[in-house]
Amino acid sequence: MTWFLVYTQAQKESLARRHLEAQGFHIYLPQYRKRRRHARRIDTVLAPLFPRYLFVKFDPQRDRWRSINGTFGVQYVLSEGPQPTPIPDEIVAAIRRQEEGGIVQIREHSFKKGQRLRVVTGPFADLEGLFECTDDAHRIVLLMEFMGRVVPTRFPVDAVSAG
């Protein structure tokens, strides 16, 4: 059996998971603890690591996978033409290795506001910016100068380093 990605309706990942499990599919919906601000309060809730996506394991030759597209909460199975697009097992395994108690642990940082950081990967590699904050998705917000303007730019924690 192979993993595939399902694109869900907005904020319906849990509904889709319940209905797919009721049909006998094996589902993986990675979640993390998200800080949420509401009515001047900050609390922590479980949120999907990949909003609107969940992993479904099935055998496309044996299982009736087309029924997934008609399931409550589901938009569609990601496909290339008529066949669903397989996801390598290593991707799911790598996410699961970051879990503790079924919850993905997001790596924290020790950056201070105003600290100069260097981008180490991607198209902005070797550019520098000032650390502003961490957003609700645990991405680093750097203030970077582009064409004479300071622009807040978001990066994964592992894409930046001090110095």
Protein backbone atom coordinates (compact mmCIF):
# COMPACT_ATOMS: atom_id res chain seq x y z
CA MET A 1 0.00 0.00 0.00
CA THR A 2 1.12 3.53 -0.78
CA TRP A 3 0.52 6.99 0.71
CA PHE A 4 -1.41 9.59 -1.27
CA LEU A 5 -2.42 13.19 -0.52
CA VAL A 6 -6.01 14.31 -0.18
CA TYR A 7 -6.97 17.97 -0.48
CA THR A 8 -9.83 18.75 1.92
CA GLN A 9 -12.41 21.47 2.19
CA ALA A 10 -11.29 24.46 4.30
CA GLN A 11 -10.99 23.50 7.98
CA LYS A 12 -12.58 20.08 7.34
CA GLU A 13 -9.50 17.89 7.81
CA SER A 14 -10.91 16.13 10.90
CA LEU A 15 -14.31 15.59 9.28
CA ALA A 16 -12.65 14.08 6.20
CA ARG A 17 -10.47 11.87 8.42
CA ARG A 18 -13.47 10.49 10.33
CA HIS A 19 -15.42 9.70 7.16
CA LEU A 20 -12.43 8.14 5.39
CA GLU A 21 -11.62 5.98 8.42
CA ALA A 22 -15.26 4.85 8.46
CA GLN A 23 -14.71 3.63 4.89
CA GLY A 24 -11.70 1.58 6.03
CA PHE A 25 -8.90 3.82 4.77
CA HIS A 26 -5.72 4.33 6.81
CA ILE A 27 -5.34 8.09 7.47
CA TYR A 28 -2.48 10.22 8.76
CA LEU A 29 -3.26 13.81 9.75
CA PRO A 30 -0.11 15.32 11.31
CA GLN A 31 -0.89 18.00 13.88
CA TYR A 32 1.10 20.46 15.95
CA ARG A 33 0.42 22.82 18.84
CA LYS A 34 -0.47 26.25 17.48
CA ARG A 35 -0.63 29.47 19.46
CA ARG A 36 -3.94 31.20 18.88
CA ARG A 37 -4.93 34.76 19.77
CA HIS A 38 -8.60 35.35 20.41
CA ALA A 39 -10.38 38.04 22.41
CA ARG A 40 -7.11 39.30 23.92
CA ARG A 41 -6.21 35.80 25.09
CA ILE A 42 -3.51 33.50 23.84
CA ASP A 43 -4.08 29.76 24.06
CA THR A 44 -2.76 26.64 22.38
CA VAL A 45 -4.79 24.37 20.10
CA LEU A 46 -4.01 21.39 17.89
CA ALA A 47 -3.87 22.37 14.23
CA PRO A 48 -3.04 20.48 11.03
CA LEU A 49 0.63 20.71 10.11
CA PHE A 50 -0.46 21.04 6.47
CA PRO A 51 -3.81 22.89 6.39
CA ARG A 52 -6.31 21.29 3.98
CA TYR A 53 -4.16 18.18 3.40
CA LEU A 54 -4.10 14.70 4.88
CA PHE A 55 -2.37 11.46 3.92
CA VAL A 56 -4.36 8.37 2.90
CA LYS A 57 -2.82 4.91 2.44
CA PHE A 58 -4.33 2.57 -0.14
CA ASP A 59 -3.59 0.28 -3.06
CA PRO A 60 -4.90 1.98 -6.22
CA GLN A 61 -5.11 -1.37 -8.03
CA ARG A 62 -7.16 -3.06 -5.29
CA ASP A 63 -9.01 -0.38 -3.29
CA ARG A 64 -11.98 1.67 -4.45
CA TRP A 65 -10.05 4.91 -4.04
CA ARG A 66 -12.32 7.01 -6.29
CA SER A 67 -14.89 7.00 -3.47
CA ILE A 68 -12.51 9.30 -1.57
CA ASN A 69 -13.44 12.19 -3.90
CA GLY A 70 -17.10 11.88 -2.84
CA THR A 71 -16.38 11.77 0.90
CA PHE A 72 -17.67 14.51 3.21
CA GLY A 73 -14.91 17.09 3.80
CA VAL A 74 -12.81 16.00 0.79
CA GLN A 75 -12.20 18.09 -2.32
CA TYR A 76 -10.12 15.53 -4.24
CA VAL A 77 -7.19 13.11 -4.25
CA LEU A 78 -4.08 14.73 -5.77
CA SER A 79 -3.59 13.07 -9.14
CA GLU A 80 -1.58 13.15 -12.33
CA GLY A 81 -4.17 12.53 -14.98
CA PRO A 82 -6.45 9.65 -14.03
CA GLN A 83 -4.04 8.12 -11.47
CA PRO A 84 -3.43 9.38 -7.91
CA THR A 85 0.07 10.73 -7.25
CA PRO A 86 1.99 8.54 -4.77
CA ILE A 87 3.86 10.10 -1.84
CA PRO A 88 7.16 8.44 -0.83
CA ASP A 89 6.94 6.58 2.51
CA GLU A 90 10.08 8.46 3.61
CA ILE A 91 8.13 11.75 3.75
CA VAL A 92 5.54 10.37 6.16
CA ALA A 93 8.26 8.60 8.16
CA ALA A 94 10.25 11.85 8.49
CA ILE A 95 7.19 13.69 9.81
CA ARG A 96 6.43 10.88 12.28
CA ARG A 97 10.01 11.00 13.61
CA GLN A 98 9.31 14.57 14.73
CA GLU A 99 6.29 13.49 16.81
CA GLU A 100 6.00 13.13 20.56
CA GLY A 101 2.75 11.68 21.81
CA GLY A 102 1.24 11.89 18.32
CA ILE A 103 1.95 15.63 17.99
CA VAL A 104 4.64 17.02 15.67
CA GLN A 105 7.19 19.02 17.64
CA ILE A 106 8.14 22.26 15.95
CA ARG A 107 11.77 23.22 16.50
CA GLU A 108 12.03 26.40 18.54
CA HIS A 109 14.69 29.07 18.18
CA SER A 110 16.58 31.36 20.51
CA PHE A 111 16.71 34.50 18.38
CA LYS A 112 16.24 37.95 19.92
CA LYS A 113 14.22 40.75 18.35
CA GLY A 114 16.53 42.92 16.22
CA GLN A 115 19.19 40.20 15.91
CA ARG A 116 20.84 40.04 12.48
CA LEU A 117 20.21 36.67 10.80
CA ARG A 118 21.47 35.20 7.53
CA VAL A 119 19.29 33.14 5.19
CA VAL A 120 21.14 29.88 4.48
CA THR A 121 18.91 28.12 1.92
CA GLY A 122 16.60 28.92 -0.96
CA PRO A 123 16.47 31.88 -3.35
CA PHE A 124 17.34 34.36 -0.57
CA ALA A 125 20.47 32.45 0.52
CA ASP A 126 23.26 34.70 1.84
CA LEU A 127 20.94 37.69 2.35
CA GLU A 128 20.57 39.13 5.83
CA GLY A 129 17.69 40.57 7.79
CA LEU A 130 16.66 41.54 11.30
CA PHE A 131 14.66 39.07 13.38
CA GLU A 132 11.21 40.50 14.07
CA CYS A 133 9.15 37.62 15.49
CA THR A 134 7.81 34.11 14.94
CA ASP A 135 4.40 33.82 13.27
CA ASP A 136 1.59 31.46 14.27
CA ALA A 137 2.93 28.78 11.90
CA HIS A 138 6.34 28.95 13.71
CA ARG A 139 8.05 30.62 10.76
CA ILE A 140 10.75 33.22 11.29
CA VAL A 141 9.80 36.76 10.25
CA LEU A 142 12.83 38.75 9.09
CA LEU A 143 12.77 42.42 8.19
CA MET A 144 14.70 42.60 4.92
CA GLU A 145 15.51 45.58 2.74
CA PHE A 146 14.39 45.31 -0.88
CA MET A 147 14.58 48.27 -3.28
CA GLY A 148 14.80 50.80 -0.48
CA ARG A 149 11.88 49.36 1.51
CA VAL A 150 11.87 47.17 4.61
CA VAL A 151 9.71 44.11 3.95
CA PRO A 152 8.70 41.42 6.48
CA THR A 153 9.68 38.07 4.95
CA ARG A 154 8.86 34.60 6.37
CA PHE A 155 11.23 31.61 6.48
CA PRO A 156 11.27 28.15 8.05
CA VAL A 157 13.37 28.03 11.23
CA ASP A 158 16.03 25.87 9.57
CA ALA A 159 16.45 28.31 6.65
CA VAL A 160 18.13 30.99 8.81
CA SER A 161 21.12 31.16 11.12
CA ALA A 162 22.74 33.72 13.38
CA GLY A 163 25.88 35.34 12.06
